[in-house]
Amino acid sequence: MEKSNKILIFDTELLDPFDAILLAIAISSKPHLLISRDKSFLKIASNYIPSSIPEDFTSTS
C-alpha cells in the first residue's frame, strides 16, 4: 500500500493531507462539534473531538 501522501493514524486508519489539516485546526480550536458528511473522516475525528453528520445535528436541535 502506498503511503506517500497519507498520514497514519492508529496503524489502520489513513487521513489524506487535507483531512489532516482540517482535523489539526479543529482540535486546536476546541469546537463543541465537528460536522461533516465524510464518514471515514468522522470515524477518525471522533477519537479526538465530538463529531456528527449534518442530518444528526439538525434532527436534535
PDB file of N, CA and C in Angstrom:
ATOM      1  N   MET A   1       0.837  -1.182   0.000  1.00  0.00           N
ATOM      2  CA  MET A   1       0.000   0.000   0.000  1.00  0.00           C
ATOM      3  C   MET A   1       0.885   1.250   0.000  1.00  0.00           C
ATOM      4  N   GLU A   2       0.640   2.152  -0.892  1.00  0.00           N
ATOM      5  CA  GLU A   2       1.410   3.385  -0.973  1.00  0.00           C
ATOM      6  C   GLU A   2       0.924   4.374   0.076  1.00  0.00           C
ATOM      7  N   LYS A   3       1.849   4.930   0.865  1.00  0.00           N
ATOM      8  CA  LYS A   3       1.505   5.854   1.931  1.00  0.00           C
ATOM      9  C   LYS A   3       2.157   7.217   1.746  1.00  0.00           C
ATOM     10  N   SER A   4       2.581   7.538   0.564  1.00  0.00           N
ATOM     11  CA  SER A   4       3.363   8.749   0.351  1.00  0.00           C
ATOM     12  C   SER A   4       2.619  10.033   0.693  1.00  0.00           C
ATOM     13  N   ASN A   5       1.317  10.095   0.458  1.00  0.00           N
ATOM     14  CA  ASN A   5       0.592  11.324   0.757  1.00  0.00           C
ATOM     15  C   ASN A   5      -0.479  11.102   1.811  1.00  0.00           C
ATOM     16  N   LYS A   6      -0.269  10.163   2.694  1.00  0.00           N
ATOM     17  CA  LYS A   6      -1.228   9.862   3.749  1.00  0.00           C
ATOM     18  C   LYS A   6      -0.555   9.975   5.097  1.00  0.00           C
ATOM     19  N   ILE A   7      -1.353  10.252   6.112  1.00  0.00           N
ATOM     20  CA  ILE A   7      -0.861  10.298   7.478  1.00  0.00           C
ATOM     21  C   ILE A   7      -1.458   9.106   8.213  1.00  0.00           C
ATOM     22  N   LEU A   8      -0.630   8.317   8.849  1.00  0.00           N
ATOM     23  CA  LEU A   8      -1.076   7.114   9.514  1.00  0.00           C
ATOM     24  C   LEU A   8      -1.622   7.443  10.898  1.00  0.00           C
ATOM     25  N   ILE A   9      -2.837   6.984  11.166  1.00  0.00           N
ATOM     26  CA  ILE A   9      -3.480   7.176  12.458  1.00  0.00           C
ATOM     27  C   ILE A   9      -3.890   5.800  12.981  1.00  0.00           C
ATOM     28  N   PHE A  10      -3.518   5.463  14.199  1.00  0.00           N
ATOM     29  CA  PHE A  10      -3.886   4.196  14.830  1.00  0.00           C
ATOM     30  C   PHE A  10      -3.466   2.980  14.015  1.00  0.00           C
ATOM     31  N   ASP A  11      -2.439   3.092  13.202  1.00  0.00           N
ATOM     32  CA  ASP A  11      -1.881   1.989  12.415  1.00  0.00           C
ATOM     33  C   ASP A  11      -2.828   1.405  11.368  1.00  0.00           C
ATOM     34  N   THR A  12      -4.097   1.766  11.362  1.00  0.00           N
ATOM     35  CA  THR A  12      -5.018   1.197  10.387  1.00  0.00           C
ATOM     36  C   THR A  12      -5.790   2.253   9.608  1.00  0.00           C
ATOM     37  N   GLU A  13      -5.966   3.438  10.165  1.00  0.00           N
ATOM     38  CA  GLU A  13      -6.742   4.482   9.522  1.00  0.00           C
ATOM     39  C   GLU A  13      -5.803   5.482   8.856  1.00  0.00           C
ATOM     40  N   LEU A  14      -6.171   5.945   7.662  1.00  0.00           N
ATOM     41  CA  LEU A  14      -5.346   6.902   6.946  1.00  0.00           C
ATOM     42  C   LEU A  14      -6.122   8.192   6.701  1.00  0.00           C
ATOM     43  N   LEU A  15      -5.451   9.311   6.919  1.00  0.00           N
ATOM     44  CA  LEU A  15      -6.012  10.623   6.604  1.00  0.00           C
ATOM     45  C   LEU A  15      -5.276  11.173   5.400  1.00  0.00           C
ATOM     46  N   ASP A  16      -6.021  11.761   4.467  1.00  0.00           N
ATOM     47  CA  ASP A  16      -5.320  12.450   3.393  1.00  0.00           C
ATOM     48  C   ASP A  16      -4.818  13.791   3.941  1.00  0.00           C
ATOM     49  N   PRO A  17      -3.914  14.456   3.274  1.00  0.00           N
ATOM     50  CA  PRO A  17      -3.321  15.691   3.810  1.00  0.00           C
ATOM     51  C   PRO A  17      -4.342  16.782   4.134  1.00  0.00           C
ATOM     52  N   PHE A  18      -5.374  16.930   3.321  1.00  0.00           N
ATOM     53  CA  PHE A  18      -6.371  17.972   3.584  1.00  0.00           C
ATOM     54  C   PHE A  18      -7.195  17.648   4.823  1.00  0.00           C
ATOM     55  N   ASP A  19      -7.566  16.381   5.011  1.00  0.00           N
ATOM     56  CA  ASP A  19      -8.288  15.985   6.218  1.00  0.00           C
ATOM     57  C   ASP A  19      -7.407  16.147   7.451  1.00  0.00           C
ATOM     58  N   ALA A  20      -6.127  15.866   7.320  1.00  0.00           N
ATOM     59  CA  ALA A  20      -5.202  16.024   8.443  1.00  0.00           C
ATOM     60  C   ALA A  20      -5.124  17.487   8.876  1.00  0.00           C
ATOM     61  N   ILE A  21      -5.090  18.392   7.916  1.00  0.00           N
ATOM     62  CA  ILE A  21      -5.060  19.826   8.233  1.00  0.00           C
ATOM     63  C   ILE A  21      -6.359  20.235   8.917  1.00  0.00           C
ATOM     64  N   LEU A  22      -7.487  19.803   8.373  1.00  0.00           N
ATOM     65  CA  LEU A  22      -8.781  20.130   8.965  1.00  0.00           C
ATOM     66  C   LEU A  22      -8.888  19.597  10.388  1.00  0.00           C
ATOM     67  N   LEU A  23      -8.452  18.374  10.612  1.00  0.00           N
ATOM     68  CA  LEU A  23      -8.503  17.799  11.953  1.00  0.00           C
ATOM     69  C   LEU A  23      -7.592  18.553  12.911  1.00  0.00           C
ATOM     70  N   ALA A  24      -6.408  18.918  12.472  1.00  0.00           N
ATOM     71  CA  ALA A  24      -5.486  19.672  13.327  1.00  0.00           C
ATOM     72  C   ALA A  24      -6.080  21.028  13.715  1.00  0.00           C
ATOM     73  N   ILE A  25      -6.693  21.714  12.769  1.00  0.00           N
ATOM     74  CA  ILE A  25      -7.322  23.003  13.066  1.00  0.00           C
ATOM     75  C   ILE A  25      -8.494  22.809  14.017  1.00  0.00           C
ATOM     76  N   ALA A  26      -9.305  21.794  13.772  1.00  0.00           N
ATOM     77  CA  ALA A  26     -10.459  21.545  14.634  1.00  0.00           C
ATOM     78  C   ALA A  26     -10.026  21.213  16.058  1.00  0.00           C
ATOM     79  N   ILE A  27      -9.015  20.396  16.209  1.00  0.00           N
ATOM     80  CA  ILE A  27      -8.544  20.045  17.553  1.00  0.00           C
ATOM     81  C   ILE A  27      -8.008  21.280  18.267  1.00  0.00           C
ATOM     82  N   SER A  28      -7.258  22.117  17.563  1.00  0.00           N
ATOM     83  CA  SER A  28      -6.664  23.293  18.215  1.00  0.00           C
ATOM     84  C   SER A  28      -7.701  24.360  18.559  1.00  0.00           C
ATOM     85  N   SER A  29      -8.816  24.415  17.820  1.00  0.00           N
ATOM     86  CA  SER A  29      -9.834  25.431  18.118  1.00  0.00           C
ATOM     87  C   SER A  29     -10.877  24.931  19.116  1.00  0.00           C
ATOM     88  N   LYS A  30     -10.813  23.668  19.494  1.00  0.00           N
ATOM     89  CA  LYS A  30     -11.686  23.061  20.508  1.00  0.00           C
ATOM     90  C   LYS A  30     -13.168  23.343  20.266  1.00  0.00           C
ATOM     91  N   PRO A  31     -13.699  22.903  19.127  1.00  0.00           N
ATOM     92  CA  PRO A  31     -15.127  23.132  18.849  1.00  0.00           C
ATOM     93  C   PRO A  31     -16.006  22.225  19.711  1.00  0.00           C
ATOM     94  N   HIS A  32     -17.251  22.596  19.854  1.00  0.00           N
ATOM     95  CA  HIS A  32     -18.204  21.740  20.558  1.00  0.00           C
ATOM     96  C   HIS A  32     -18.573  20.539  19.714  1.00  0.00           C
ATOM     97  N   LEU A  33     -18.544  20.708  18.372  1.00  0.00           N
ATOM     98  CA  LEU A  33     -18.944  19.632  17.476  1.00  0.00           C
ATOM     99  C   LEU A  33     -18.353  19.856  16.097  1.00  0.00           C
ATOM    100  N   LEU A  34     -17.846  18.791  15.490  1.00  0.00           N
ATOM    101  CA  LEU A  34     -17.370  18.816  14.108  1.00  0.00           C
ATOM    102  C   LEU A  34     -18.436  18.168  13.248  1.00  0.00           C
ATOM    103  N   ILE A  35     -18.876  18.843  12.201  1.00  0.00           N
ATOM    104  CA  ILE A  35     -19.913  18.324  11.320  1.00  0.00           C
ATOM    105  C   ILE A  35     -19.320  18.097   9.935  1.00  0.00           C
ATOM    106  N   SER A  36     -19.525  16.891   9.410  1.00  0.00           N
ATOM    107  CA  SER A  36     -19.015  16.546   8.091  1.00  0.00           C
ATOM    108  C   SER A  36     -19.841  15.402   7.518  1.00  0.00           C
ATOM    109  N   ARG A  37     -19.869  15.298   6.190  1.00  0.00           N
ATOM    110  CA  ARG A  37     -20.525  14.156   5.556  1.00  0.00           C
ATOM    111  C   ARG A  37     -19.524  13.046   5.222  1.00  0.00           C
ATOM    112  N   ASP A  38     -18.250  13.293   5.428  1.00  0.00           N
ATOM    113  CA  ASP A  38     -17.191  12.322   5.142  1.00  0.00           C
ATOM    114  C   ASP A  38     -17.110  11.325   6.308  1.00  0.00           C
ATOM    115  N   LYS A  39     -17.741  10.175   6.144  1.00  0.00           N
ATOM    116  CA  LYS A  39     -17.848   9.221   7.249  1.00  0.00           C
ATOM    117  C   LYS A  39     -16.506   8.633   7.672  1.00  0.00           C
ATOM    118  N   SER A  40     -15.600   8.432   6.730  1.00  0.00           N
ATOM    119  CA  SER A  40     -14.289   7.905   7.125  1.00  0.00           C
ATOM    120  C   SER A  40     -13.511   8.953   7.927  1.00  0.00           C
ATOM    121  N   PHE A  41     -13.655  10.220   7.557  1.00  0.00           N
ATOM    122  CA  PHE A  41     -13.022  11.301   8.317  1.00  0.00           C
ATOM    123  C   PHE A  41     -13.651  11.409   9.709  1.00  0.00           C
ATOM    124  N   LEU A  42     -14.976  11.317   9.792  1.00  0.00           N
ATOM    125  CA  LEU A  42     -15.652  11.407  11.087  1.00  0.00           C
ATOM    126  C   LEU A  42     -15.254  10.268  12.013  1.00  0.00           C
ATOM    127  N   LYS A  43     -15.021   9.103  11.456  1.00  0.00           N
ATOM    128  CA  LYS A  43     -14.605   7.958  12.267  1.00  0.00           C
ATOM    129  C   LYS A  43     -13.289   8.256  12.978  1.00  0.00           C
ATOM    130  N   ILE A  44     -12.360   8.868  12.269  1.00  0.00           N
ATOM    131  CA  ILE A  44     -11.069   9.224  12.865  1.00  0.00           C
ATOM    132  C   ILE A  44     -11.218  10.427  13.782  1.00  0.00           C
ATOM    133  N   ALA A  45     -11.917  11.469  13.319  1.00  0.00           N
ATOM    134  CA  ALA A  45     -12.063  12.703  14.099  1.00  0.00           C
ATOM    135  C   ALA A  45     -12.775  12.459  15.425  1.00  0.00           C
ATOM    136  N   SER A  46     -13.720  11.519  15.446  1.00  0.00           N
ATOM    137  CA  SER A  46     -14.476  11.261  16.672  1.00  0.00           C
ATOM    138  C   SER A  46     -13.601  10.712  17.801  1.00  0.00           C
ATOM    139  N   ASN A  47     -12.404  10.263  17.480  1.00  0.00           N
ATOM    140  CA  ASN A  47     -11.459   9.845  18.523  1.00  0.00           C
ATOM    141  C   ASN A  47     -10.873  11.043  19.259  1.00  0.00           C
ATOM    142  N   TYR A  48     -11.008  12.239  18.702  1.00  0.00           N
ATOM    143  CA  TYR A  48     -10.387  13.435  19.255  1.00  0.00           C
ATOM    144  C   TYR A  48     -11.389  14.501  19.683  1.00  0.00           C
ATOM    145  N   ILE A  49     -12.476  14.647  18.928  1.00  0.00           N
ATOM    146  CA  ILE A  49     -13.486  15.671  19.219  1.00  0.00           C
ATOM    147  C   ILE A  49     -14.869  15.121  18.883  1.00  0.00           C
ATOM    148  N   PRO A  50     -15.923  15.651  19.513  1.00  0.00           N
ATOM    149  CA  PRO A  50     -17.275  15.211  19.156  1.00  0.00           C
ATOM    150  C   PRO A  50     -17.544  15.489  17.678  1.00  0.00           C
ATOM    151  N   SER A  51     -18.107  14.515  16.980  1.00  0.00           N
ATOM    152  CA  SER A  51     -18.300  14.617  15.537  1.00  0.00           C
ATOM    153  C   SER A  51     -19.665  14.056  15.149  1.00  0.00           C
ATOM    154  N   SER A  52     -20.231  14.617  14.084  1.00  0.00           N
ATOM    155  CA  SER A  52     -21.554  14.188  13.643  1.00  0.00           C
ATOM    156  C   SER A  52     -21.761  14.508  12.174  1.00  0.00           C
ATOM    157  N   ILE A  53     -22.770  13.844  11.583  1.00  0.00           N
ATOM    158  CA  ILE A  53     -23.177  14.194  10.229  1.00  0.00           C
ATOM    159  C   ILE A  53     -24.239  15.299  10.328  1.00  0.00           C
ATOM    160  N   PRO A  54     -24.416  16.109   9.278  1.00  0.00           N
ATOM    161  CA  PRO A  54     -25.369  17.222   9.352  1.00  0.00           C
ATOM    162  C   PRO A  54     -26.791  16.784   9.706  1.00  0.00           C
ATOM    163  N   GLU A  55     -27.216  15.650   9.194  1.00  0.00           N
ATOM    164  CA  GLU A  55     -28.574  15.183   9.452  1.00  0.00           C
ATOM    165  C   GLU A  55     -28.816  14.893  10.939  1.00  0.00           C
ATOM    166  N   ASP A  56     -27.819  14.337  11.616  1.00  0.00           N
ATOM    167  CA  ASP A  56     -27.946  14.093  13.062  1.00  0.00           C
ATOM    168  C   ASP A  56     -27.995  15.404  13.825  1.00  0.00           C
ATOM    169  N   PHE A  57     -27.208  16.348  13.424  1.00  0.00           N
ATOM    170  CA  PHE A  57     -27.163  17.646  14.103  1.00  0.00           C
ATOM    171  C   PHE A  57     -28.489  18.382  13.972  1.00  0.00           C
ATOM    172  N   THR A  58     -29.065  18.419  12.771  1.00  0.00           N
ATOM    173  CA  THR A  58     -30.300  19.173  12.559  1.00  0.00           C
ATOM    174  C   THR A  58     -31.505  18.475  13.168  1.00  0.00           C
ATOM    175  N   SER A  59     -31.464  17.162  13.318  1.00  0.00           N
ATOM    176  CA  SER A  59     -32.611  16.458  13.894  1.00  0.00           C
ATOM    177  C   SER A  59     -32.679  16.591  15.410  1.00  0.00           C
ATOM    178  N   THR A  60     -31.559  16.960  16.058  1.00  0.00           N
ATOM    179  CA  THR A  60     -31.555  17.088  17.522  1.00  0.00           C
ATOM    180  C   THR A  60     -31.691  18.519  17.991  1.00  0.00           C
ATOM    181  N   SER A  61     -31.649  19.489  17.078  1.00  0.00           N
ATOM    182  CA  SER A  61     -31.719  20.891  17.528  1.00  0.00           C
ATOM    183  C   SER A  61     -33.129  21.431  17.486  1.00  0.00           C
TER     184      SER A  61
END
